[in-house]
Amino acid sequence: MFLANGGPLRGRLRVDLPTELARSVVVPALPQLMAAHPELQLELSSTDRRVDLVQEGFDCVIRFGPITDETMIARPLGKLRMTNAASPAYLERYGVPHTLEDLLSQGHQMVHYTLTLGARHAGWQYPDGDGYAWLPLPSAMQ
């Protein structure tokens, strides 16, 4: 599939990647990629769930976050910055949080996004050193 001499790519490549990455980065670049490599048979799927590369027959996947399966070969492709966002109307209603404690004491609302429902209680994830820490909502700690 990949040639040492830098020639065109050919063959079948099955890839799974996060939905937002597919929508905003990969799909817009597909026409140029396919024009440059007409012998490439690219099969893309996009899901935010963890897939089983072997069982589902993927050649590679792209994922955000820590490596969860140490039996797979993984290489970092880059870093992304996580951001919590709010509208001006929301901030006017609940206040602008300046600390993690403000998220709790000012009664901030959140959308709890998880790959698997029930896998983790609602809370805020934030950068902490080389990884991420978790601040659970008080109702989630009961």
C-alpha atoms as a PDB file:
ATOM      1  CA  MET A   1       0.000   0.000   0.000  1.00  0.00           C
ATOM      2  CA  PHE A   2       2.678   2.544   0.973  1.00  0.00           C
ATOM      3  CA  LEU A   3       5.629   2.637  -1.363  1.00  0.00           C
ATOM      4  CA  ALA A   4       9.140   3.589  -0.308  1.00  0.00           C
ATOM      5  CA  ASN A   5       9.699   5.558  -3.505  1.00  0.00           C
ATOM      6  CA  GLY A   6       6.823   7.937  -2.762  1.00  0.00           C
ATOM      7  CA  GLY A   7       4.671   6.651  -5.631  1.00  0.00           C
ATOM      8  CA  PRO A   8       0.883   6.634  -5.614  1.00  0.00           C
ATOM      9  CA  LEU A   9      -0.951   4.735  -2.901  1.00  0.00           C
ATOM     10  CA  ARG A  10      -2.960   1.711  -3.978  1.00  0.00           C
ATOM     11  CA  GLY A  11      -4.994  -1.011  -2.367  1.00  0.00           C
ATOM     12  CA  ARG A  12      -7.729  -1.046   0.245  1.00  0.00           C
ATOM     13  CA  LEU A  13      -7.421   0.933   3.483  1.00  0.00           C
ATOM     14  CA  ARG A  14     -10.133   0.671   6.160  1.00  0.00           C
ATOM     15  CA  VAL A  15     -10.084   3.574   8.600  1.00  0.00           C
ATOM     16  CA  ASP A  16     -12.321   4.657  11.477  1.00  0.00           C
ATOM     17  CA  LEU A  17     -12.109   8.129  12.996  1.00  0.00           C
ATOM     18  CA  PRO A  18     -14.092  10.419  15.277  1.00  0.00           C
ATOM     19  CA  THR A  19     -17.175  11.944  13.696  1.00  0.00           C
ATOM     20  CA  GLU A  20     -16.137  15.588  14.062  1.00  0.00           C
ATOM     21  CA  LEU A  21     -12.660  14.938  12.672  1.00  0.00           C
ATOM     22  CA  ALA A  22     -14.192  13.151   9.685  1.00  0.00           C
ATOM     23  CA  ARG A  23     -16.692  15.936   9.048  1.00  0.00           C
ATOM     24  CA  SER A  24     -14.429  18.935   9.476  1.00  0.00           C
ATOM     25  CA  VAL A  25     -11.011  17.704   8.282  1.00  0.00           C
ATOM     26  CA  VAL A  26     -10.971  14.402   6.418  1.00  0.00           C
ATOM     27  CA  VAL A  27     -14.083  14.501   4.221  1.00  0.00           C
ATOM     28  CA  PRO A  28     -13.263  17.954   2.777  1.00  0.00           C
ATOM     29  CA  ALA A  29      -9.769  16.660   1.858  1.00  0.00           C
ATOM     30  CA  LEU A  30     -11.016  13.462   0.170  1.00  0.00           C
ATOM     31  CA  PRO A  31     -11.384  14.800  -3.395  1.00  0.00           C
ATOM     32  CA  GLN A  32      -7.749  15.933  -3.464  1.00  0.00           C
ATOM     33  CA  LEU A  33      -6.509  12.686  -1.862  1.00  0.00           C
ATOM     34  CA  MET A  34      -8.480  10.472  -4.235  1.00  0.00           C
ATOM     35  CA  ALA A  35      -7.401  12.505  -7.269  1.00  0.00           C
ATOM     36  CA  ALA A  36      -3.764  12.101  -6.261  1.00  0.00           C
ATOM     37  CA  HIS A  37      -4.167   8.367  -5.527  1.00  0.00           C
ATOM     38  CA  PRO A  38      -6.831   6.918  -7.869  1.00  0.00           C
ATOM     39  CA  GLU A  39      -5.798   3.322  -7.085  1.00  0.00           C
ATOM     40  CA  LEU A  40      -6.504   3.778  -3.367  1.00  0.00           C
ATOM     41  CA  GLN A  41      -9.701   2.099  -2.177  1.00  0.00           C
ATOM     42  CA  LEU A  42     -10.497   4.027   0.977  1.00  0.00           C
ATOM     43  CA  GLU A  43     -13.209   2.751   3.310  1.00  0.00           C
ATOM     44  CA  LEU A  44     -14.027   5.304   5.993  1.00  0.00           C
ATOM     45  CA  SER A  45     -16.317   5.008   8.942  1.00  0.00           C
ATOM     46  CA  SER A  46     -16.784   7.544  11.673  1.00  0.00           C
ATOM     47  CA  THR A  47     -17.902   6.863  15.180  1.00  0.00           C
ATOM     48  CA  ASP A  48     -16.980   8.203  18.571  1.00  0.00           C
ATOM     49  CA  ARG A  49     -17.152   4.800  20.238  1.00  0.00           C
ATOM     50  CA  ARG A  50     -14.078   2.666  20.750  1.00  0.00           C
ATOM     51  CA  VAL A  51     -13.917   0.096  17.952  1.00  0.00           C
ATOM     52  CA  ASP A  52     -12.243  -3.295  18.007  1.00  0.00           C
ATOM     53  CA  LEU A  53      -9.688  -3.063  15.196  1.00  0.00           C
ATOM     54  CA  VAL A  54      -9.298  -6.817  14.834  1.00  0.00           C
ATOM     55  CA  GLN A  55     -12.949  -7.871  15.181  1.00  0.00           C
ATOM     56  CA  GLU A  56     -14.227  -5.064  12.951  1.00  0.00           C
ATOM     57  CA  GLY A  57     -11.448  -5.372  10.371  1.00  0.00           C
ATOM     58  CA  PHE A  58      -9.939  -1.882  10.498  1.00  0.00           C
ATOM     59  CA  ASP A  59      -6.416  -1.211   9.292  1.00  0.00           C
ATOM     60  CA  CYS A  60      -6.157   1.847  11.513  1.00  0.00           C
ATOM     61  CA  VAL A  61      -8.182   4.207  13.655  1.00  0.00           C
ATOM     62  CA  ILE A  62      -7.686   7.743  14.848  1.00  0.00           C
ATOM     63  CA  ARG A  63      -8.757   8.535  18.392  1.00  0.00           C
ATOM     64  CA  PHE A  64      -8.496  11.412  20.845  1.00  0.00           C
ATOM     65  CA  GLY A  65      -7.311  10.901  24.393  1.00  0.00           C
ATOM     66  CA  PRO A  66      -5.283   8.333  26.247  1.00  0.00           C
ATOM     67  CA  ILE A  67      -4.433   4.914  24.832  1.00  0.00           C
ATOM     68  CA  THR A  68      -6.841   2.396  26.300  1.00  0.00           C
ATOM     69  CA  ASP A  69      -5.564  -0.780  24.638  1.00  0.00           C
ATOM     70  CA  GLU A  70      -1.864  -1.334  25.294  1.00  0.00           C
ATOM     71  CA  THR A  71      -1.800  -4.298  22.876  1.00  0.00           C
ATOM     72  CA  MET A  72      -2.171  -1.971  19.873  1.00  0.00           C
ATOM     73  CA  ILE A  73       0.572   0.104  18.287  1.00  0.00           C
ATOM     74  CA  ALA A  74      -0.251   3.783  18.729  1.00  0.00           C
ATOM     75  CA  ARG A  75       1.486   6.935  17.566  1.00  0.00           C
ATOM     76  CA  PRO A  76       0.548  10.497  18.486  1.00  0.00           C
ATOM     77  CA  LEU A  77      -0.472  12.605  15.490  1.00  0.00           C
ATOM     78  CA  GLY A  78      -0.729  15.875  17.370  1.00  0.00           C
ATOM     79  CA  LYS A  79      -2.334  17.619  20.302  1.00  0.00           C
ATOM     80  CA  LEU A  80      -5.723  19.256  20.610  1.00  0.00           C
ATOM     81  CA  ARG A  81      -6.789  21.786  23.161  1.00  0.00           C
ATOM     82  CA  MET A  82     -10.060  21.147  24.974  1.00  0.00           C
ATOM     83  CA  THR A  83     -12.273  24.134  25.592  1.00  0.00           C
ATOM     84  CA  ASN A  84     -15.411  24.607  27.602  1.00  0.00           C
ATOM     85  CA  ALA A  85     -17.659  27.107  25.839  1.00  0.00           C
ATOM     86  CA  ALA A  86     -20.743  29.077  26.800  1.00  0.00           C
ATOM     87  CA  SER A  87     -22.958  31.690  25.197  1.00  0.00           C
ATOM     88  CA  PRO A  88     -23.088  35.266  26.522  1.00  0.00           C
ATOM     89  CA  ALA A  89     -26.685  34.665  27.691  1.00  0.00           C
ATOM     90  CA  TYR A  90     -25.605  31.571  29.640  1.00  0.00           C
ATOM     91  CA  LEU A  91     -22.732  33.431  31.310  1.00  0.00           C
ATOM     92  CA  GLU A  92     -25.060  36.297  32.214  1.00  0.00           C
ATOM     93  CA  ARG A  93     -27.421  33.836  33.899  1.00  0.00           C
ATOM     94  CA  TYR A  94     -24.869  31.650  35.750  1.00  0.00           C
ATOM     95  CA  GLY A  95     -21.787  33.858  35.953  1.00  0.00           C
ATOM     96  CA  VAL A  96     -18.308  33.479  34.490  1.00  0.00           C
ATOM     97  CA  PRO A  97     -16.419  30.665  36.225  1.00  0.00           C
ATOM     98  CA  HIS A  98     -12.805  31.506  37.084  1.00  0.00           C
ATOM     99  CA  THR A  99     -11.977  28.339  39.037  1.00  0.00           C
ATOM    100  CA  LEU A 100     -13.085  24.725  38.977  1.00  0.00           C
ATOM    101  CA  GLU A 101     -14.946  25.331  42.230  1.00  0.00           C
ATOM    102  CA  ASP A 102     -16.969  28.078  40.502  1.00  0.00           C
ATOM    103  CA  LEU A 103     -18.416  25.433  38.195  1.00  0.00           C
ATOM    104  CA  LEU A 104     -19.988  23.827  41.250  1.00  0.00           C
ATOM    105  CA  SER A 105     -20.746  26.842  43.457  1.00  0.00           C
ATOM    106  CA  GLN A 106     -22.359  28.927  40.678  1.00  0.00           C
ATOM    107  CA  GLY A 107     -24.632  26.016  39.675  1.00  0.00           C
ATOM    108  CA  HIS A 108     -23.358  25.674  36.134  1.00  0.00           C
ATOM    109  CA  GLN A 109     -25.176  23.345  33.748  1.00  0.00           C
ATOM    110  CA  MET A 110     -23.445  20.890  31.445  1.00  0.00           C
ATOM    111  CA  VAL A 111     -24.005  18.426  28.658  1.00  0.00           C
ATOM    112  CA  HIS A 112     -22.494  15.134  29.758  1.00  0.00           C
ATOM    113  CA  TYR A 113     -20.805  13.537  26.750  1.00  0.00           C
ATOM    114  CA  THR A 114     -19.542   9.999  27.106  1.00  0.00           C
ATOM    115  CA  LEU A 115     -18.648   7.205  24.726  1.00  0.00           C
ATOM    116  CA  THR A 116     -20.582   4.716  26.846  1.00  0.00           C
ATOM    117  CA  LEU A 117     -23.563   5.796  28.927  1.00  0.00           C
ATOM    118  CA  GLY A 118     -23.096   4.886  32.561  1.00  0.00           C
ATOM    119  CA  ALA A 119     -19.336   4.528  32.170  1.00  0.00           C
ATOM    120  CA  ARG A 120     -18.613   7.665  34.166  1.00  0.00           C
ATOM    121  CA  HIS A 121     -20.696   9.997  36.320  1.00  0.00           C
ATOM    122  CA  ALA A 122     -21.319  13.526  35.060  1.00  0.00           C
ATOM    123  CA  GLY A 123     -18.579  16.047  35.682  1.00  0.00           C
ATOM    124  CA  TRP A 124     -15.933  18.247  34.112  1.00  0.00           C
ATOM    125  CA  GLN A 125     -12.696  16.962  32.624  1.00  0.00           C
ATOM    126  CA  TYR A 126      -9.744  19.365  32.655  1.00  0.00           C
ATOM    127  CA  PRO A 127      -6.022  19.306  31.820  1.00  0.00           C
ATOM    128  CA  ASP A 128      -3.793  18.227  34.673  1.00  0.00           C
ATOM    129  CA  GLY A 129      -0.091  17.753  33.913  1.00  0.00           C
ATOM    130  CA  ASP A 130       0.326  15.289  31.036  1.00  0.00           C
ATOM    131  CA  GLY A 131      -3.199  13.935  31.414  1.00  0.00           C
ATOM    132  CA  TYR A 132      -6.662  14.965  32.509  1.00  0.00           C
ATOM    133  CA  ALA A 133      -8.385  15.082  35.883  1.00  0.00           C
ATOM    134  CA  TRP A 134     -12.095  14.757  36.612  1.00  0.00           C
ATOM    135  CA  LEU A 135     -14.288  17.005  38.751  1.00  0.00           C
ATOM    136  CA  PRO A 136     -17.573  15.160  39.381  1.00  0.00           C
ATOM    137  CA  LEU A 137     -20.824  17.020  39.897  1.00  0.00           C
ATOM    138  CA  PRO A 138     -22.022  16.860  43.523  1.00  0.00           C
ATOM    139  CA  SER A 139     -25.118  14.882  42.468  1.00  0.00           C
ATOM    140  CA  ALA A 140     -22.853  12.356  40.746  1.00  0.00           C
ATOM    141  CA  MET A 141     -20.870  11.740  43.947  1.00  0.00           C
ATOM    142  CA  GLN A 142     -23.884  10.339  45.834  1.00  0.00           C
END
